[in-house]
Amino acid sequence: MTDRDSVRISRDGIVFVHDGETITATHDAEAEGELMEDPGRVVHYHFPVHIEVHAQGQQEIASAIERTLTTLTAAFDSV
């Protein structure tokens, strides 16, 4: 990859990386990376999630939690 092919990320966020793409951190970045030599190796990422529910009554809270978890599950399954 040359400088001409690279793109600087201007804000935090989630990125989808496609097969064959490489991500590297700049020399002054807080991020660290390691080149993986084993193409069959699987990497798992775990992200803490904090969900705050504002609702009145137990049934409304339970319904809001169920809708949120269903939406999140569908979103992750679609990736």
PDB file of N, CA and C in Angstrom:
ATOM      1  N   MET A   1       0.848  -1.181   0.000  1.00  0.00           N
ATOM      2  CA  MET A   1       0.000   0.000   0.000  1.00  0.00           C
ATOM      3  C   MET A   1       0.888   1.237   0.000  1.00  0.00           C
ATOM      4  N   THR A   2       0.554   2.150  -0.834  1.00  0.00           N
ATOM      5  CA  THR A   2       1.298   3.400  -0.891  1.00  0.00           C
ATOM      6  C   THR A   2       0.500   4.497  -0.190  1.00  0.00           C
ATOM      7  N   ASP A   3       1.152   5.640   0.076  1.00  0.00           N
ATOM      8  CA  ASP A   3       0.450   6.773   0.671  1.00  0.00           C
ATOM      9  C   ASP A   3      -0.713   7.212  -0.204  1.00  0.00           C
ATOM     10  N   ARG A   4      -0.564   7.052  -1.500  1.00  0.00           N
ATOM     11  CA  ARG A   4      -1.620   7.441  -2.433  1.00  0.00           C
ATOM     12  C   ARG A   4      -2.873   6.588  -2.221  1.00  0.00           C
ATOM     13  N   ASP A   5      -2.696   5.332  -1.792  1.00  0.00           N
ATOM     14  CA  ASP A   5      -3.816   4.419  -1.596  1.00  0.00           C
ATOM     15  C   ASP A   5      -4.437   4.519  -0.206  1.00  0.00           C
ATOM     16  N   SER A   6      -3.775   5.195   0.720  1.00  0.00           N
ATOM     17  CA  SER A   6      -4.241   5.208   2.101  1.00  0.00           C
ATOM     18  C   SER A   6      -5.206   6.363   2.358  1.00  0.00           C
ATOM     19  N   VAL A   7      -5.984   6.200   3.418  1.00  0.00           N
ATOM     20  CA  VAL A   7      -6.967   7.204   3.815  1.00  0.00           C
ATOM     21  C   VAL A   7      -6.824   7.431   5.314  1.00  0.00           C
ATOM     22  N   ARG A   8      -6.759   8.701   5.736  1.00  0.00           N
ATOM     23  CA  ARG A   8      -6.697   9.019   7.162  1.00  0.00           C
ATOM     24  C   ARG A   8      -8.113   9.120   7.701  1.00  0.00           C
ATOM     25  N   ILE A   9      -8.357   8.468   8.831  1.00  0.00           N
ATOM     26  CA  ILE A   9      -9.663   8.481   9.484  1.00  0.00           C
ATOM     27  C   ILE A   9      -9.737   9.723  10.368  1.00  0.00           C
ATOM     28  N   SER A  10     -10.789  10.524  10.199  1.00  0.00           N
ATOM     29  CA  SER A  10     -10.881  11.802  10.909  1.00  0.00           C
ATOM     30  C   SER A  10     -11.705  11.741  12.189  1.00  0.00           C
ATOM     31  N   ARG A  11     -12.396  10.609  12.428  1.00  0.00           N
ATOM     32  CA  ARG A  11     -13.179  10.506  13.655  1.00  0.00           C
ATOM     33  C   ARG A  11     -13.308   9.042  14.062  1.00  0.00           C
ATOM     34  N   ASP A  12     -13.616   8.819  15.339  1.00  0.00           N
ATOM     35  CA  ASP A  12     -13.828   7.466  15.829  1.00  0.00           C
ATOM     36  C   ASP A  12     -15.067   6.867  15.190  1.00  0.00           C
ATOM     37  N   GLY A  13     -15.093   5.554  15.079  1.00  0.00           N
ATOM     38  CA  GLY A  13     -16.266   4.890  14.540  1.00  0.00           C
ATOM     39  C   GLY A  13     -15.981   3.433  14.245  1.00  0.00           C
ATOM     40  N   ILE A  14     -16.968   2.771  13.706  1.00  0.00           N
ATOM     41  CA  ILE A  14     -16.857   1.358  13.344  1.00  0.00           C
ATOM     42  C   ILE A  14     -16.620   1.279  11.847  1.00  0.00           C
ATOM     43  N   VAL A  15     -15.757   0.379  11.442  1.00  0.00           N
ATOM     44  CA  VAL A  15     -15.442   0.244  10.031  1.00  0.00           C
ATOM     45  C   VAL A  15     -15.611  -1.223   9.627  1.00  0.00           C
ATOM     46  N   PHE A  16     -16.113  -1.434   8.429  1.00  0.00           N
ATOM     47  CA  PHE A  16     -16.184  -2.783   7.870  1.00  0.00           C
ATOM     48  C   PHE A  16     -14.978  -2.960   6.963  1.00  0.00           C
ATOM     49  N   VAL A  17     -14.251  -4.024   7.185  1.00  0.00           N
ATOM     50  CA  VAL A  17     -13.065  -4.306   6.394  1.00  0.00           C
ATOM     51  C   VAL A  17     -13.368  -5.522   5.525  1.00  0.00           C
ATOM     52  N   HIS A  18     -13.006  -5.414   4.276  1.00  0.00           N
ATOM     53  CA  HIS A  18     -13.260  -6.488   3.327  1.00  0.00           C
ATOM     54  C   HIS A  18     -12.017  -7.374   3.202  1.00  0.00           C
ATOM     55  N   ASP A  19     -12.238  -8.593   2.795  1.00  0.00           N
ATOM     56  CA  ASP A  19     -11.163  -9.568   2.624  1.00  0.00           C
ATOM     57  C   ASP A  19     -10.052  -8.969   1.760  1.00  0.00           C
ATOM     58  N   GLY A  20      -8.838  -9.072   2.239  1.00  0.00           N
ATOM     59  CA  GLY A  20      -7.688  -8.586   1.486  1.00  0.00           C
ATOM     60  C   GLY A  20      -7.265  -7.173   1.837  1.00  0.00           C
ATOM     61  N   GLU A  21      -8.103  -6.432   2.565  1.00  0.00           N
ATOM     62  CA  GLU A  21      -7.740  -5.072   2.961  1.00  0.00           C
ATOM     63  C   GLU A  21      -6.852  -5.106   4.202  1.00  0.00           C
ATOM     64  N   THR A  22      -6.004  -4.119   4.318  1.00  0.00           N
ATOM     65  CA  THR A  22      -5.080  -4.024   5.446  1.00  0.00           C
ATOM     66  C   THR A  22      -5.294  -2.694   6.162  1.00  0.00           C
ATOM     67  N   ILE A  23      -5.277  -2.741   7.488  1.00  0.00           N
ATOM     68  CA  ILE A  23      -5.401  -1.527   8.294  1.00  0.00           C
ATOM     69  C   ILE A  23      -4.126  -1.398   9.123  1.00  0.00           C
ATOM     70  N   THR A  24      -3.536  -0.226   9.107  1.00  0.00           N
ATOM     71  CA  THR A  24      -2.355   0.026   9.936  1.00  0.00           C
ATOM     72  C   THR A  24      -2.540   1.329  10.688  1.00  0.00           C
ATOM     73  N   ALA A  25      -1.902   1.431  11.838  1.00  0.00           N
ATOM     74  CA  ALA A  25      -1.953   2.655  12.637  1.00  0.00           C
ATOM     75  C   ALA A  25      -0.771   3.542  12.262  1.00  0.00           C
ATOM     76  N   THR A  26      -0.950   4.859  12.382  1.00  0.00           N
ATOM     77  CA  THR A  26       0.152   5.777  12.130  1.00  0.00           C
ATOM     78  C   THR A  26       1.183   5.637  13.244  1.00  0.00           C
ATOM     79  N   HIS A  27       2.372   6.122  13.010  1.00  0.00           N
ATOM     80  CA  HIS A  27       3.446   5.963  13.987  1.00  0.00           C
ATOM     81  C   HIS A  27       3.131   6.649  15.311  1.00  0.00           C
ATOM     82  N   ASP A  28       2.282   7.674  15.313  1.00  0.00           N
ATOM     83  CA  ASP A  28       1.969   8.391  16.546  1.00  0.00           C
ATOM     84  C   ASP A  28       0.576   8.054  17.093  1.00  0.00           C
ATOM     85  N   ALA A  29      -0.059   7.003  16.594  1.00  0.00           N
ATOM     86  CA  ALA A  29      -1.407   6.631  17.029  1.00  0.00           C
ATOM     87  C   ALA A  29      -1.370   5.891  18.353  1.00  0.00           C
ATOM     88  N   GLU A  30      -2.483   5.967  19.073  1.00  0.00           N
ATOM     89  CA  GLU A  30      -2.615   5.206  20.308  1.00  0.00           C
ATOM     90  C   GLU A  30      -2.901   3.739  20.011  1.00  0.00           C
ATOM     91  N   ALA A  31      -3.433   3.463  18.834  1.00  0.00           N
ATOM     92  CA  ALA A  31      -3.762   2.090  18.455  1.00  0.00           C
ATOM     93  C   ALA A  31      -2.487   1.302  18.192  1.00  0.00           C
ATOM     94  N   GLU A  32      -2.592   0.022  18.421  1.00  0.00           N
ATOM     95  CA  GLU A  32      -1.475  -0.868  18.134  1.00  0.00           C
ATOM     96  C   GLU A  32      -1.984  -1.990  17.242  1.00  0.00           C
ATOM     97  N   GLY A  33      -1.138  -2.469  16.392  1.00  0.00           N
ATOM     98  CA  GLY A  33      -1.528  -3.558  15.508  1.00  0.00           C
ATOM     99  C   GLY A  33      -0.411  -4.565  15.384  1.00  0.00           C
ATOM    100  N   GLU A  34      -0.776  -5.735  14.925  1.00  0.00           N
ATOM    101  CA  GLU A  34       0.208  -6.800  14.746  1.00  0.00           C
ATOM    102  C   GLU A  34      -0.146  -7.541  13.469  1.00  0.00           C
ATOM    103  N   LEU A  35       0.829  -7.740  12.607  1.00  0.00           N
ATOM    104  CA  LEU A  35       0.614  -8.462  11.366  1.00  0.00           C
ATOM    105  C   LEU A  35       0.429  -9.937  11.680  1.00  0.00           C
ATOM    106  N   MET A  36      -0.654 -10.502  11.179  1.00  0.00           N
ATOM    107  CA  MET A  36      -0.930 -11.919  11.420  1.00  0.00           C
ATOM    108  C   MET A  36      -0.440 -12.724  10.230  1.00  0.00           C
ATOM    109  N   GLU A  37       0.461 -13.626  10.483  1.00  0.00           N
ATOM    110  CA  GLU A  37       1.033 -14.444   9.411  1.00  0.00           C
ATOM    111  C   GLU A  37       0.141 -15.625   9.052  1.00  0.00           C
ATOM    112  N   ASP A  38      -0.742 -16.049   9.963  1.00  0.00           N
ATOM    113  CA  ASP A  38      -1.596 -17.211   9.736  1.00  0.00           C
ATOM    114  C   ASP A  38      -2.924 -16.765   9.135  1.00  0.00           C
ATOM    115  N   PRO A  39      -3.149 -16.983   7.825  1.00  0.00           N
ATOM    116  CA  PRO A  39      -4.385 -16.510   7.203  1.00  0.00           C
ATOM    117  C   PRO A  39      -5.631 -17.222   7.718  1.00  0.00           C
ATOM    118  N   GLY A  40      -5.478 -18.377   8.365  1.00  0.00           N
ATOM    119  CA  GLY A  40      -6.624 -19.115   8.883  1.00  0.00           C
ATOM    120  C   GLY A  40      -6.998 -18.741  10.299  1.00  0.00           C
ATOM    121  N   ARG A  41      -6.239 -17.844  10.891  1.00  0.00           N
ATOM    122  CA  ARG A  41      -6.466 -17.459  12.285  1.00  0.00           C
ATOM    123  C   ARG A  41      -7.745 -16.621  12.397  1.00  0.00           C
ATOM    124  N   VAL A  42      -8.503 -16.855  13.443  1.00  0.00           N
ATOM    125  CA  VAL A  42      -9.747 -16.117  13.684  1.00  0.00           C
ATOM    126  C   VAL A  42      -9.521 -15.165  14.843  1.00  0.00           C
ATOM    127  N   VAL A  43      -9.954 -13.927  14.668  1.00  0.00           N
ATOM    128  CA  VAL A  43      -9.828 -12.917  15.710  1.00  0.00           C
ATOM    129  C   VAL A  43     -11.225 -12.562  16.192  1.00  0.00           C
ATOM    130  N   HIS A  44     -11.419 -12.567  17.499  1.00  0.00           N
ATOM    131  CA  HIS A  44     -12.707 -12.210  18.086  1.00  0.00           C
ATOM    132  C   HIS A  44     -12.555 -10.879  18.806  1.00  0.00           C
ATOM    133  N   TYR A  45     -13.490  -9.976  18.582  1.00  0.00           N
ATOM    134  CA  TYR A  45     -13.527  -8.697  19.277  1.00  0.00           C
ATOM    135  C   TYR A  45     -14.746  -8.695  20.188  1.00  0.00           C
ATOM    136  N   HIS A  46     -14.570  -8.196  21.381  1.00  0.00           N
ATOM    137  CA  HIS A  46     -15.666  -8.095  22.332  1.00  0.00           C
ATOM    138  C   HIS A  46     -15.793  -6.640  22.746  1.00  0.00           C
ATOM    139  N   PHE A  47     -16.977  -6.084  22.587  1.00  0.00           N
ATOM    140  CA  PHE A  47     -17.226  -4.693  22.919  1.00  0.00           C
ATOM    141  C   PHE A  47     -18.261  -4.620  24.032  1.00  0.00           C
ATOM    142  N   PRO A  48     -17.940  -3.900  25.093  1.00  0.00           N
ATOM    143  CA  PRO A  48     -18.960  -3.725  26.140  1.00  0.00           C
ATOM    144  C   PRO A  48     -20.081  -2.837  25.606  1.00  0.00           C
ATOM    145  N   VAL A  49     -21.291  -3.178  25.946  1.00  0.00           N
ATOM    146  CA  VAL A  49     -22.443  -2.400  25.504  1.00  0.00           C
ATOM    147  C   VAL A  49     -23.223  -1.958  26.729  1.00  0.00           C
ATOM    148  N   HIS A  50     -23.557  -0.694  26.784  1.00  0.00           N
ATOM    149  CA  HIS A  50     -24.355  -0.145  27.878  1.00  0.00           C
ATOM    150  C   HIS A  50     -25.633   0.410  27.267  1.00  0.00           C
ATOM    151  N   ILE A  51     -26.759  -0.128  27.697  1.00  0.00           N
ATOM    152  CA  ILE A  51     -28.048   0.328  27.195  1.00  0.00           C
ATOM    153  C   ILE A  51     -28.818   0.922  28.361  1.00  0.00           C
ATOM    154  N   GLU A  52     -29.288   2.132  28.178  1.00  0.00           N
ATOM    155  CA  GLU A  52     -30.061   2.804  29.208  1.00  0.00           C
ATOM    156  C   GLU A  52     -31.500   2.895  28.737  1.00  0.00           C
ATOM    157  N   VAL A  53     -32.416   2.368  29.549  1.00  0.00           N
ATOM    158  CA  VAL A  53     -33.828   2.344  29.186  1.00  0.00           C
ATOM    159  C   VAL A  53     -34.588   3.321  30.066  1.00  0.00           C
ATOM    160  N   HIS A  54     -35.355   4.202  29.423  1.00  0.00           N
ATOM    161  CA  HIS A  54     -36.219   5.137  30.140  1.00  0.00           C
ATOM    162  C   HIS A  54     -37.660   4.778  29.801  1.00  0.00           C
ATOM    163  N   ALA A  55     -38.380   4.241  30.776  1.00  0.00           N
ATOM    164  CA  ALA A  55     -39.760   3.843  30.548  1.00  0.00           C
ATOM    165  C   ALA A  55     -40.487   3.834  31.885  1.00  0.00           C
ATOM    166  N   GLN A  56     -41.788   3.781  31.807  1.00  0.00           N
ATOM    167  CA  GLN A  56     -42.602   3.724  33.020  1.00  0.00           C
ATOM    168  C   GLN A  56     -43.313   2.386  33.074  1.00  0.00           C
ATOM    169  N   GLY A  57     -43.236   1.747  34.209  1.00  0.00           N
ATOM    170  CA  GLY A  57     -43.921   0.470  34.387  1.00  0.00           C
ATOM    171  C   GLY A  57     -43.090  -0.704  33.916  1.00  0.00           C
ATOM    172  N   GLN A  58     -43.245  -1.815  34.613  1.00  0.00           N
ATOM    173  CA  GLN A  58     -42.464  -3.017  34.315  1.00  0.00           C
ATOM    174  C   GLN A  58     -42.728  -3.539  32.907  1.00  0.00           C
ATOM    175  N   GLN A  59     -43.985  -3.532  32.473  1.00  0.00           N
ATOM    176  CA  GLN A  59     -44.305  -4.058  31.147  1.00  0.00           C
ATOM    177  C   GLN A  59     -43.674  -3.202  30.055  1.00  0.00           C
ATOM    178  N   GLU A  60     -43.700  -1.882  30.206  1.00  0.00           N
ATOM    179  CA  GLU A  60     -43.103  -0.993  29.212  1.00  0.00           C
ATOM    180  C   GLU A  60     -41.582  -1.173  29.170  1.00  0.00           C
ATOM    181  N   ILE A  61     -40.979  -1.342  30.343  1.00  0.00           N
ATOM    182  CA  ILE A  61     -39.526  -1.570  30.399  1.00  0.00           C
ATOM    183  C   ILE A  61     -39.181  -2.892  29.721  1.00  0.00           C
ATOM    184  N   ALA A  62     -39.914  -3.952  30.046  1.00  0.00           N
ATOM    185  CA  ALA A  62     -39.647  -5.264  29.447  1.00  0.00           C
ATOM    186  C   ALA A  62     -39.812  -5.207  27.928  1.00  0.00           C
ATOM    187  N   SER A  63     -40.836  -4.503  27.467  1.00  0.00           N
ATOM    188  CA  SER A  63     -41.079  -4.381  26.032  1.00  0.00           C
ATOM    189  C   SER A  63     -39.963  -3.598  25.347  1.00  0.00           C
ATOM    190  N   ALA A  64     -39.501  -2.514  25.972  1.00  0.00           N
ATOM    191  CA  ALA A  64     -38.406  -1.710  25.409  1.00  0.00           C
ATOM    192  C   ALA A  64     -37.116  -2.520  25.336  1.00  0.00           C
ATOM    193  N   ILE A  65     -36.830  -3.288  26.359  1.00  0.00           N
ATOM    194  CA  ILE A  65     -35.622  -4.124  26.363  1.00  0.00           C
ATOM    195  C   ILE A  65     -35.714  -5.176  25.263  1.00  0.00           C
ATOM    196  N   GLU A  66     -36.858  -5.818  25.133  1.00  0.00           N
ATOM    197  CA  GLU A  66     -37.047  -6.846  24.108  1.00  0.00           C
ATOM    198  C   GLU A  66     -36.872  -6.259  22.700  1.00  0.00           C
ATOM    199  N   ARG A  67     -37.468  -5.095  22.441  1.00  0.00           N
ATOM    200  CA  ARG A  67     -37.322  -4.456  21.124  1.00  0.00           C
ATOM    201  C   ARG A  67     -35.864  -4.101  20.844  1.00  0.00           C
ATOM    202  N   THR A  68     -35.178  -3.574  21.865  1.00  0.00           N
ATOM    203  CA  THR A  68     -33.775  -3.183  21.697  1.00  0.00           C
ATOM    204  C   THR A  68     -32.899  -4.387  21.387  1.00  0.00           C
ATOM    205  N   LEU A  69     -33.056  -5.452  22.149  1.00  0.00           N
ATOM    206  CA  LEU A  69     -32.241  -6.649  21.928  1.00  0.00           C
ATOM    207  C   LEU A  69     -32.553  -7.301  20.582  1.00  0.00           C
ATOM    208  N   THR A  70     -33.813  -7.295  20.176  1.00  0.00           N
ATOM    209  CA  THR A  70     -34.189  -7.849  18.871  1.00  0.00           C
ATOM    210  C   THR A  70     -33.555  -7.043  17.739  1.00  0.00           C
ATOM    211  N   THR A  71     -33.591  -5.722  17.869  1.00  0.00           N
ATOM    212  CA  THR A  71     -32.995  -4.846  16.853  1.00  0.00           C
ATOM    213  C   THR A  71     -31.482  -5.042  16.780  1.00  0.00           C
ATOM    214  N   LEU A  72     -30.844  -5.090  17.942  1.00  0.00           N
ATOM    215  CA  LEU A  72     -29.374  -5.277  17.964  1.00  0.00           C
ATOM    216  C   LEU A  72     -28.986  -6.634  17.373  1.00  0.00           C
ATOM    217  N   THR A  73     -29.709  -7.669  17.746  1.00  0.00           N
ATOM    218  CA  THR A  73     -29.414  -9.017  17.224  1.00  0.00           C
ATOM    219  C   THR A  73     -29.558  -9.049  15.704  1.00  0.00           C
ATOM    220  N   ALA A  74     -30.627  -8.458  15.194  1.00  0.00           N
ATOM    221  CA  ALA A  74     -30.832  -8.429  13.738  1.00  0.00           C
ATOM    222  C   ALA A  74     -29.718  -7.656  13.047  1.00  0.00           C
ATOM    223  N   ALA A  75     -29.285  -6.558  13.645  1.00  0.00           N
ATOM    224  CA  ALA A  75     -28.210  -5.753  13.053  1.00  0.00           C
ATOM    225  C   ALA A  75     -26.911  -6.534  12.994  1.00  0.00           C
ATOM    226  N   PHE A  76     -26.572  -7.223  14.085  1.00  0.00           N
ATOM    227  CA  PHE A  76     -25.326  -7.995  14.107  1.00  0.00           C
ATOM    228  C   PHE A  76     -25.401  -9.199  13.177  1.00  0.00           C
ATOM    229  N   ASP A  77     -26.561  -9.838  13.098  1.00  0.00           N
ATOM    230  CA  ASP A  77     -26.711 -10.988  12.213  1.00  0.00           C
ATOM    231  C   ASP A  77     -26.613 -10.610  10.743  1.00  0.00           C
ATOM    232  N   SER A  78     -26.909  -9.356  10.414  1.00  0.00           N
ATOM    233  CA  SER A  78     -26.871  -8.918   9.020  1.00  0.00           C
ATOM    234  C   SER A  78     -25.480  -8.585   8.535  1.00  0.00           C
ATOM    235  N   VAL A  79     -24.518  -8.557   9.450  1.00  0.00           N
ATOM    236  CA  VAL A  79     -23.139  -8.175   9.062  1.00  0.00           C
ATOM    237  C   VAL A  79     -22.415  -9.395   8.557  1.00  0.00           C
TER     238      VAL A  79
END
